[in-house]
Amino acid sequence: MPVVFANSNNFKDITAKGTIILDFYADWCAPCRMIGPVLEQIANENEDIGVVKVDVDQNIELANQFGVRGIPALFVLKDGKAVAQRAGFMPKDALVDWVRKA
């Protein structure tokens, strides 16, 4: 499943069902750029895990709604509800393990 980019207009529709890694990021953020390829690999290798990215500079309301204070901010959503959150870079295996346990 490809990585999907969300904004306030499409967010509820694309996060309503299934298990989603929600990534709040910014283009200028070095750790965000590091985790980007890891999230793409996870999206491509795991049909049961979706990846949704939200640019905090363009979607301040969504970032505030989730209480994002630092980026990358990662959330696990299950059927639209946040069940876990972390900040910062994580290696792929640790990230997948975190999502599966959430």
Protein backbone atom coordinates (compact mmCIF):
# COMPACT_ATOMS: atom_id res chain seq x y z
CA MET A 1 0.00 0.00 0.00
CA PRO A 2 1.53 3.39 -0.91
CA VAL A 3 2.18 6.16 1.59
CA VAL A 4 -0.74 8.60 1.63
CA PHE A 5 -0.51 12.31 2.41
CA ALA A 6 -3.32 13.75 4.50
CA ASN A 7 -4.71 17.19 5.21
CA SER A 8 -7.71 18.43 7.16
CA ASN A 9 -10.01 17.76 4.18
CA ASN A 10 -9.24 14.06 3.68
CA PHE A 11 -7.86 13.02 7.08
CA LYS A 12 -10.96 11.32 8.52
CA ASP A 13 -11.67 9.41 5.32
CA ILE A 14 -8.20 7.92 4.98
CA THR A 15 -7.65 7.09 8.65
CA ALA A 16 -11.09 5.68 9.51
CA LYS A 17 -10.37 1.96 9.00
CA GLY A 18 -7.52 -0.39 9.68
CA THR A 19 -4.12 0.03 11.29
CA ILE A 20 -2.33 3.24 10.34
CA ILE A 21 1.05 4.72 11.20
CA LEU A 22 0.38 8.45 11.31
CA ASP A 23 3.55 10.50 10.78
CA PHE A 24 3.59 14.22 11.53
CA TYR A 25 6.63 15.62 9.71
CA ALA A 26 8.19 18.67 8.06
CA ASP A 27 10.44 18.83 5.00
CA TRP A 28 13.11 20.77 6.94
CA CYS A 29 13.32 18.17 9.73
CA ALA A 30 16.39 15.88 9.44
CA PRO A 31 14.98 13.00 11.58
CA CYS A 32 11.76 13.22 9.52
CA ARG A 33 13.81 12.78 6.34
CA MET A 34 15.56 9.78 7.93
CA ILE A 35 12.33 8.00 8.87
CA GLY A 36 10.59 8.73 5.56
CA PRO A 37 12.22 5.83 3.63
CA VAL A 38 11.62 3.49 6.59
CA LEU A 39 7.90 4.30 6.52
CA GLU A 40 7.81 3.76 2.75
CA GLN A 41 9.37 0.30 3.20
CA ILE A 42 6.81 -0.57 5.89
CA ALA A 43 3.95 0.60 3.67
CA ASN A 44 5.24 -1.47 0.74
CA GLU A 45 6.01 -4.61 2.77
CA ASN A 46 2.94 -4.79 5.05
CA GLU A 47 -0.50 -4.91 3.46
CA ASP A 48 -2.16 -4.65 6.89
CA ILE A 49 -0.37 -1.42 7.92
CA GLY A 50 -1.11 1.87 6.19
CA VAL A 51 1.15 4.91 6.40
CA VAL A 52 -0.33 8.40 6.43
CA LYS A 53 1.89 11.49 6.52
CA VAL A 54 0.82 14.97 7.64
CA ASP A 55 3.00 18.03 6.98
CA VAL A 56 2.84 20.03 10.21
CA ASP A 57 3.66 23.32 8.48
CA GLN A 58 0.62 23.03 6.23
CA ASN A 59 -1.73 21.31 8.71
CA ILE A 60 -1.30 23.10 12.03
CA GLU A 61 -4.85 22.29 13.14
CA LEU A 62 -4.30 18.53 12.79
CA ALA A 63 -0.97 18.75 14.62
CA ASN A 64 -2.64 20.67 17.44
CA GLN A 65 -5.51 18.19 17.55
CA PHE A 66 -3.00 15.40 18.24
CA GLY A 67 -0.92 17.51 20.65
CA VAL A 68 2.20 17.34 18.49
CA ARG A 69 5.08 19.18 20.19
CA GLY A 70 8.06 17.67 18.35
CA ILE A 71 8.59 15.89 15.05
CA PRO A 72 8.63 13.31 13.75
CA ALA A 73 5.60 12.46 15.86
CA LEU A 74 4.31 8.96 15.21
CA PHE A 75 0.90 7.63 16.17
CA VAL A 76 -0.69 4.23 15.72
CA LEU A 77 -4.33 4.57 14.72
CA LYS A 78 -6.69 1.61 14.86
CA ASP A 79 -9.99 2.28 13.10
CA GLY A 80 -9.48 6.03 13.47
CA LYS A 81 -8.51 6.08 17.15
CA ALA A 82 -4.97 6.80 18.42
CA VAL A 83 -3.78 3.85 20.52
CA ALA A 84 -0.05 4.66 20.82
CA GLN A 85 2.36 7.51 20.18
CA ARG A 86 6.10 8.15 20.02
CA ALA A 87 8.43 10.88 18.89
CA GLY A 88 11.66 10.57 16.96
CA PHE A 89 13.34 8.08 14.66
CA MET A 90 12.87 4.33 15.04
CA PRO A 91 14.48 1.53 12.99
CA LYS A 92 12.09 -0.43 10.77
CA ASP A 93 11.92 -3.63 12.84
CA ALA A 94 11.32 -1.71 16.07
CA LEU A 95 8.66 0.40 14.40
CA VAL A 96 6.76 -2.59 13.01
CA ASP A 97 6.99 -4.34 16.39
CA TRP A 98 5.65 -1.21 18.14
CA VAL A 99 2.70 -1.03 15.73
CA ARG A 100 1.83 -4.72 16.12
CA LYS A 101 1.88 -4.47 19.93
CA ALA A 102 -0.28 -1.32 20.03
